[in-house]
Protein backbone atom coordinates (compact mmCIF):
# COMPACT_ATOMS: atom_id res chain seq x y z
CA MET A 1 116.72 189.32 71.76
CA PRO A 2 118.07 185.83 70.98
CA SER A 3 118.14 183.45 73.88
CA THR A 4 121.37 182.39 75.55
CA GLU A 5 120.66 178.86 74.38
CA THR A 6 120.63 180.02 70.76
CA LEU A 7 123.99 181.75 71.10
CA ALA A 8 125.76 179.05 73.08
CA PRO A 9 127.74 176.53 71.01
CA TRP A 10 126.59 172.95 71.06
CA PRO A 11 129.29 170.44 71.95
CA MET A 12 130.17 167.83 69.38
CA PRO A 13 128.41 164.58 70.27
CA LYS A 14 130.97 162.13 71.59
CA HIS A 15 129.94 159.42 69.14
CA LEU A 16 130.70 161.61 66.08
CA ASP A 17 134.38 162.52 66.24
CA ARG A 18 136.72 163.84 63.55
CA ALA A 19 136.65 160.52 61.71
CA GLY A 20 132.86 160.59 61.77
CA VAL A 21 132.71 164.10 60.30
CA GLU A 22 135.22 163.12 57.64
CA ALA A 23 133.13 160.09 56.73
CA ALA A 24 130.00 162.25 56.41
CA VAL A 25 131.75 164.82 54.24
CA THR A 26 133.19 162.03 52.10
CA ALA A 27 129.58 161.04 51.43
CA ALA A 28 128.69 164.69 50.72
CA ILE A 29 131.36 165.18 48.07
CA ALA A 30 130.23 162.03 46.26
CA ALA A 31 127.20 164.06 45.14
CA PRO A 32 126.85 165.03 41.48
CA SER A 33 127.73 168.59 40.49
CA VAL A 34 127.51 170.61 37.31
CA LEU A 35 130.30 169.24 35.07
CA ASN A 36 131.78 167.79 38.29
CA CYS A 37 133.07 171.24 39.25
CA GLN A 38 132.53 170.40 42.97
CA PRO A 39 131.48 173.91 44.11
CA TRP A 40 131.57 173.23 47.85
CA ARG A 41 133.46 173.65 51.09
CA PHE A 42 132.56 172.32 54.55
CA ARG A 43 133.35 173.84 57.93
CA ALA A 44 132.74 171.83 61.12
CA HIS A 45 132.62 173.84 64.36
CA ASP A 46 130.71 173.91 67.65
CA GLY A 47 128.50 170.94 66.83
CA LEU A 48 127.66 172.35 63.39
CA VAL A 49 128.69 171.58 59.85
CA ASP A 50 128.35 174.53 57.49
CA VAL A 51 128.10 173.94 53.74
CA LEU A 52 129.63 176.82 51.81
CA ALA A 53 129.39 177.75 48.16
CA ALA A 54 132.87 177.80 46.63
CA PRO A 55 132.35 177.80 42.87
CA ASP A 56 136.05 178.15 42.00
CA HIS A 57 135.70 176.02 38.88
CA ALA A 58 132.00 176.58 38.12
CA PRO A 59 131.09 177.16 34.45
CA GLU A 60 129.98 180.79 34.40
CA ALA A 61 128.63 180.91 30.85
CA LEU A 62 126.76 177.64 31.26
CA ASP A 63 125.32 178.57 34.67
CA PRO A 64 125.30 182.40 34.83
CA ASN A 65 122.94 182.77 37.80
CA GLY A 66 124.38 179.86 39.81
CA ARG A 67 121.20 177.77 39.69
CA GLU A 68 123.04 174.53 38.93
CA VAL A 69 125.74 175.34 41.48
CA PHE A 70 123.01 175.59 44.14
CA MET A 71 121.48 172.32 42.94
CA SER A 72 124.92 170.70 43.24
CA LEU A 73 125.21 172.05 46.78
CA GLY A 74 121.74 170.75 47.61
CA ALA A 75 122.75 167.27 46.49
CA ALA A 76 125.81 167.48 48.76
CA VAL A 77 123.63 168.64 51.68
CA PHE A 78 121.40 165.60 51.24
CA ASN A 79 124.38 163.24 51.30
CA LEU A 80 125.89 165.06 54.28
CA ARG A 81 122.71 164.67 56.33
CA ILE A 82 122.28 161.01 55.53
CA GLY A 83 126.02 160.42 56.04
CA ILE A 84 125.79 161.87 59.55
CA GLU A 85 122.63 160.01 60.48
CA ALA A 86 124.03 156.73 59.13
CA GLN A 87 126.49 156.98 62.04
CA GLY A 88 123.69 157.30 64.58
CA CYS A 89 123.79 161.08 65.05
CA LYS A 90 120.74 163.25 64.36
CA ALA A 91 121.31 165.95 61.73
CA SER A 92 118.98 168.97 61.43
CA VAL A 93 119.34 170.98 58.21
CA GLN A 94 118.74 174.73 57.90
CA LEU A 95 118.98 176.16 54.39
CA MET A 96 120.38 179.66 53.83
CA PRO A 97 120.81 180.22 57.59
CA SER A 98 122.26 183.74 57.45
CA PRO A 99 120.89 186.66 55.39
CA LEU A 100 124.25 188.38 55.96
CA ASN A 101 126.39 185.54 54.61
CA ARG A 102 124.88 183.92 51.55
CA SER A 103 128.00 181.87 50.90
CA VAL A 104 126.80 179.62 53.76
CA VAL A 105 124.06 177.79 51.92
CA ALA A 106 123.20 175.27 54.63
CA ARG A 107 123.91 174.61 58.29
CA VAL A 108 123.65 171.11 59.71
CA ARG A 109 123.26 170.93 63.47
CA LEU A 110 124.37 167.70 65.10
CA GLY A 111 122.03 166.41 67.77
CA GLY A 112 121.24 163.30 69.74
CA ALA A 113 121.17 159.67 68.79
CA THR A 114 119.07 158.48 65.87
CA GLN A 115 118.66 155.48 63.63
CA LEU A 116 118.09 155.44 59.89
CA SER A 117 115.11 153.59 58.50
CA ALA A 118 115.86 150.59 56.32
CA ALA A 119 115.00 152.65 53.24
CA GLU A 120 117.35 155.50 54.14
CA ARG A 121 120.06 153.05 55.15
CA ALA A 122 119.83 151.64 51.62
CA LEU A 123 120.20 155.16 50.20
CA SER A 124 123.26 155.75 52.38
CA GLU A 125 124.87 152.54 51.17
CA ALA A 126 124.12 153.51 47.55
CA ILE A 127 126.08 156.81 47.74
CA PRO A 128 129.46 155.39 46.64
CA ARG A 129 127.78 153.30 43.92
CA ARG A 130 125.79 156.10 42.29
CA ARG A 131 126.97 157.11 38.82
CA SER A 132 125.75 159.55 36.18
CA SER A 133 125.26 157.24 33.21
CA ARG A 134 126.41 158.27 29.74
CA VAL A 135 126.03 154.88 28.10
CA PRO A 136 123.09 153.43 26.15
CA PHE A 137 120.32 151.73 28.08
CA SER A 138 118.82 148.38 27.19
CA ASP A 139 115.34 147.99 25.72
CA GLU A 140 113.90 146.81 29.06
CA PRO A 141 111.33 149.42 30.15
CA VAL A 142 111.27 151.06 33.55
CA SER A 143 108.37 149.57 35.49
CA TYR A 144 105.44 151.58 36.80
CA GLU A 145 106.47 150.53 40.29
CA ASP A 146 109.95 152.00 39.80
CA VAL A 147 108.49 155.23 38.42
CA GLY A 148 106.31 155.52 41.49
CA HIS A 149 109.30 155.11 43.82
CA LEU A 150 111.25 157.77 41.91
CA GLN A 151 108.31 160.18 42.15
CA ASP A 152 107.92 159.49 45.85
CA ALA A 153 111.62 160.26 46.35
CA ALA A 154 111.24 163.68 44.72
CA ALA A 155 108.10 164.42 46.73
CA VAL A 156 109.83 163.72 50.06
CA GLU A 157 112.18 166.65 49.32
CA GLY A 158 109.42 169.00 48.16
CA ALA A 159 109.83 168.57 44.40
CA ASN A 160 107.96 166.82 41.61
CA LEU A 161 109.25 164.28 39.10
CA ASP A 162 107.09 164.36 35.98
CA PRO A 163 107.57 161.47 33.51
CA ALA A 164 107.42 162.78 29.94
CA THR A 165 105.07 160.80 27.70
CA GLY A 166 103.34 161.37 24.39
CA TRP A 167 103.56 164.90 23.02
CA HIS A 168 105.30 166.06 26.21
CA ARG A 169 108.13 163.60 25.59
CA SER A 170 108.43 164.77 22.00
CA ALA A 171 108.70 168.36 23.20
CA VAL A 172 111.39 167.42 25.74
CA VAL A 173 113.44 165.53 23.14
CA GLU A 174 113.20 168.45 20.72
CA ALA A 175 114.27 170.90 23.44
CA LEU A 176 117.25 168.69 24.29
CA HIS A 177 118.28 168.59 20.64
CA ASP A 178 117.86 172.36 20.19
CA ALA A 179 119.83 173.07 23.37
CA ASP A 180 122.66 170.80 22.24
CA GLN A 181 122.90 172.55 18.89
CA ALA A 182 122.83 176.01 20.49
CA GLN A 183 125.55 175.15 23.01
CA ARG A 184 127.85 173.76 20.34
CA THR A 185 127.79 177.12 18.56
CA ASP A 186 128.30 179.28 21.67
CA PRO A 187 132.05 179.89 22.12
CA ALA A 188 131.73 180.78 25.82
CA ILE A 189 129.80 177.59 26.62
CA VAL A 190 132.15 175.48 24.52
CA SER A 191 135.05 176.95 26.52
CA ASP A 192 133.25 176.19 29.80
CA VAL A 193 132.59 172.58 28.85
CA ARG A 194 136.07 171.99 27.43
CA GLY A 195 137.65 173.41 30.57
CA LEU A 196 135.94 170.72 32.62
CA THR A 197 136.21 167.84 30.14
CA LEU A 198 138.83 167.72 27.39
CA ALA A 199 141.04 170.56 28.65
CA ARG A 200 140.93 170.13 32.43
CA GLU A 201 143.54 172.00 34.46
CA ARG A 202 143.20 169.57 37.38
CA SER A 203 142.89 165.82 37.24
CA ASP A 204 140.55 165.75 40.26
CA VAL A 205 137.98 168.21 38.88
CA GLY A 206 135.71 167.80 35.88
CA ILE A 207 134.86 164.79 33.72
CA PRO A 208 137.78 162.73 32.35
CA PRO A 209 137.57 161.19 28.85
CA GLU A 210 136.88 157.69 30.21
CA SER A 211 133.73 158.99 31.91
CA LEU A 212 132.29 160.71 28.82
CA GLY A 213 130.74 157.52 27.47
CA PRO A 214 130.40 156.73 23.77
CA ARG A 215 129.53 159.26 21.12
CA PRO A 216 125.90 158.93 19.98
CA LEU A 217 125.62 157.84 16.35
CA ASP A 218 122.35 159.73 16.06
CA PRO A 219 122.91 163.38 17.10
CA SER A 220 119.21 163.73 17.89
CA SER A 221 119.33 160.99 20.55
CA PRO A 222 117.96 162.10 23.95
CA VAL A 223 121.42 162.12 25.54
CA ARG A 224 124.08 164.75 26.16
CA ASP A 225 127.45 164.48 24.49
CA MET A 226 129.76 166.22 26.97
CA ALA A 227 132.44 166.38 24.26
CA LEU A 228 130.05 168.50 22.16
CA GLY A 229 130.69 166.28 19.15
CA GLN A 230 134.47 166.70 19.20
CA HIS A 231 136.64 163.79 18.12
CA ILE A 232 138.45 161.87 20.86
CA VAL A 233 140.95 159.22 19.81
CA GLY A 234 139.74 155.79 20.85
CA ARG A 235 136.26 156.92 21.84
CA PRO A 236 133.62 154.57 20.43
CA ALA A 237 130.24 155.49 18.97
CA ALA A 238 126.98 153.79 19.93
CA GLU A 239 123.27 153.69 19.27
CA PHE A 240 121.34 155.11 22.22
CA GLU A 241 117.82 154.19 23.20
CA THR A 242 114.98 156.11 21.59
CA ALA A 243 112.12 155.08 23.89
CA GLY A 244 113.64 155.21 27.37
CA LEU A 245 112.09 157.01 30.32
CA LEU A 246 112.60 160.78 30.39
CA ALA A 247 111.40 162.78 33.40
CA VAL A 248 111.46 166.43 34.42
CA LEU A 249 112.24 167.51 37.99
CA LEU A 250 110.28 170.63 38.97
CA THR A 251 109.83 172.97 41.94
CA THR A 252 107.14 175.51 42.82
CA GLY A 253 109.63 178.35 43.33
CA ASP A 254 112.79 179.44 41.56
CA GLU A 255 115.00 181.05 44.18
CA PRO A 256 118.27 179.78 45.74
CA THR A 257 116.43 177.87 48.47
CA ASP A 258 114.30 176.18 45.81
CA TRP A 259 117.44 175.25 43.87
CA LEU A 260 118.94 173.72 47.00
CA ARG A 261 115.78 171.69 47.57
CA ALA A 262 115.82 170.65 43.91
CA GLY A 263 119.36 169.36 44.41
CA MET A 264 118.31 167.45 47.52
CA ALA A 265 115.42 165.94 45.58
CA LEU A 266 117.68 165.15 42.65
CA GLU A 267 120.10 163.20 44.83
CA ARG A 268 117.33 161.29 46.61
CA VAL A 269 115.90 160.35 43.20
CA LEU A 270 119.29 159.28 41.84
CA LEU A 271 120.08 157.20 44.93
CA THR A 272 116.61 155.64 44.79
CA ALA A 273 117.29 154.67 41.18
CA THR A 274 120.60 153.12 42.24
CA VAL A 275 118.93 151.13 45.02
CA ARG A 276 116.33 149.84 42.57
CA GLY A 277 118.92 148.75 40.01
CA LEU A 278 118.23 151.55 37.55
CA ALA A 279 120.76 153.63 35.66
CA ALA A 280 120.19 157.39 35.51
CA GLY A 281 121.59 160.10 33.27
CA ILE A 282 121.50 163.85 33.89
CA LEU A 283 120.36 165.99 30.94
CA SER A 284 120.74 169.56 32.13
CA HIS A 285 121.27 171.31 28.81
CA ALA A 286 117.62 172.05 27.99
CA THR A 287 117.08 173.77 31.35
CA GLU A 288 120.34 175.69 30.92
CA ALA A 289 118.89 177.46 27.87
CA ILE A 290 116.68 180.36 28.98
CA ASP A 291 114.36 180.15 25.98
CA LEU A 292 113.99 176.36 26.21
CA ARG A 293 113.67 175.82 29.93
CA GLN A 294 109.88 176.18 30.01
CA VAL A 295 109.50 174.03 26.90
CA VAL A 296 110.32 170.89 28.91
CA ARG A 297 107.50 171.63 31.37
CA ASP A 298 104.08 170.09 30.84
CA PRO A 299 101.90 173.23 30.70
CA THR A 300 99.14 171.43 32.60
CA SER A 301 101.38 170.90 35.63
CA ARG A 302 100.93 172.99 38.77
CA TRP A 303 104.70 172.85 39.26
CA ARG A 304 106.02 175.98 37.63
CA HIS A 305 109.78 175.67 37.40
CA PRO A 306 111.59 172.82 35.62
CA GLN A 307 115.07 172.37 37.08
CA ILE A 308 116.55 169.41 35.19
CA VAL A 309 115.72 166.53 32.83
CA LEU A 310 116.69 162.96 33.68
CA ARG A 311 116.83 159.71 31.73
CA PHE A 312 116.30 156.36 33.41
CA GLY A 313 116.73 152.82 32.24
CA HIS A 314 118.56 149.59 32.67
CA GLY A 315 122.24 150.14 32.04
CA ALA A 316 124.11 148.15 29.41
CA GLY A 317 127.49 149.07 30.87
CA GLU A 318 129.20 150.26 34.06
CA MET A 319 130.39 153.86 34.39
CA PRO A 320 133.73 154.57 36.06
CA PRO A 321 133.66 156.99 39.01
CA THR A 322 134.53 160.62 38.35
CA PRO A 323 137.34 162.09 40.47
CA ARG A 324 136.95 164.14 43.63
CA ARG A 325 139.18 166.71 45.28
CA PRO A 326 141.01 165.56 48.43
CA LEU A 327 139.09 165.86 51.66
CA ASP A 328 141.60 168.19 53.32
CA GLU A 329 141.04 170.70 50.53
CA VAL A 330 137.30 170.99 51.08
CA LEU A 331 136.89 170.36 54.83
CA GLU A 332 137.93 172.50 57.79
CA ILE A 333 137.35 171.14 61.30
CA SER A 334 137.79 173.50 64.21
CA TRP A 335 136.46 172.86 67.70
CA PRO A 336 138.18 172.17 71.01
CA GLY A 337 139.36 168.60 71.35
CA ALA A 338 138.65 167.73 67.72
CA ASP A 339 141.69 165.50 67.58
């Protein structure tokens, strides 16, 4: 039988009031999500913050089993934890806390006082500056030191970041190209992507035209054209890098909890890149294709499940921020004396 202590609600720490919770959730919703569909809700109660799956606008054809939705939620969980702890309040994360309610994907319990390390403080401060880059990178290579830091970031969250070199890189680039061509000819996927880019129903969901970046002149470039090659008045074209760093993020398992951890690792990697002055682009299309997903994996790796491909480099241009839904639409706070 559960103990009384387990059942009793924990009071909200006095130093994290409503404004503190709102600040932490503001950090959480700055996380990247599949096509910026923002598939999350947050419920603060009894010294807890629950993260709920709410894929109202999620692309069903593009992400039929919800893997990328869970990765998006994992990225938000990472930001939520670090957003809470940046305010001096300990945050303990439990993934998939209830077998009876799988819409609650994570529960964050607020505890006593804590202090972020200098490294995690830098990650916290990078949250509002992080962008998903869709512009060409310069010819300056990513240093071995930077690669090591990115790999360490993935490892902290239980994932592996595998830089693609030699024949492995060629296989990844080919898979990206094949996935792009396949998606452009799939009416359901085209509808999904258009609904969150060129034909958005809401201005605060999806990717607006100004955030699409230029159209690649070479359709085989290792980038993702979110407009799927469609003409947009005033959108420029550009040459993208051909020798930039590509890396594959992998996990050992392939269940919802693994996808959440992959999302947490993804966000730590992206924030680490931001701290180190690197630009990062998300190339999810090869892992969205069932028959291509394993192609991006180095067969010699002990990590079995590729979750996403990333490109890193030194940005030649700044990306504008993508919109977010208002806080009062995604956050519910309910505990005595919350105001």
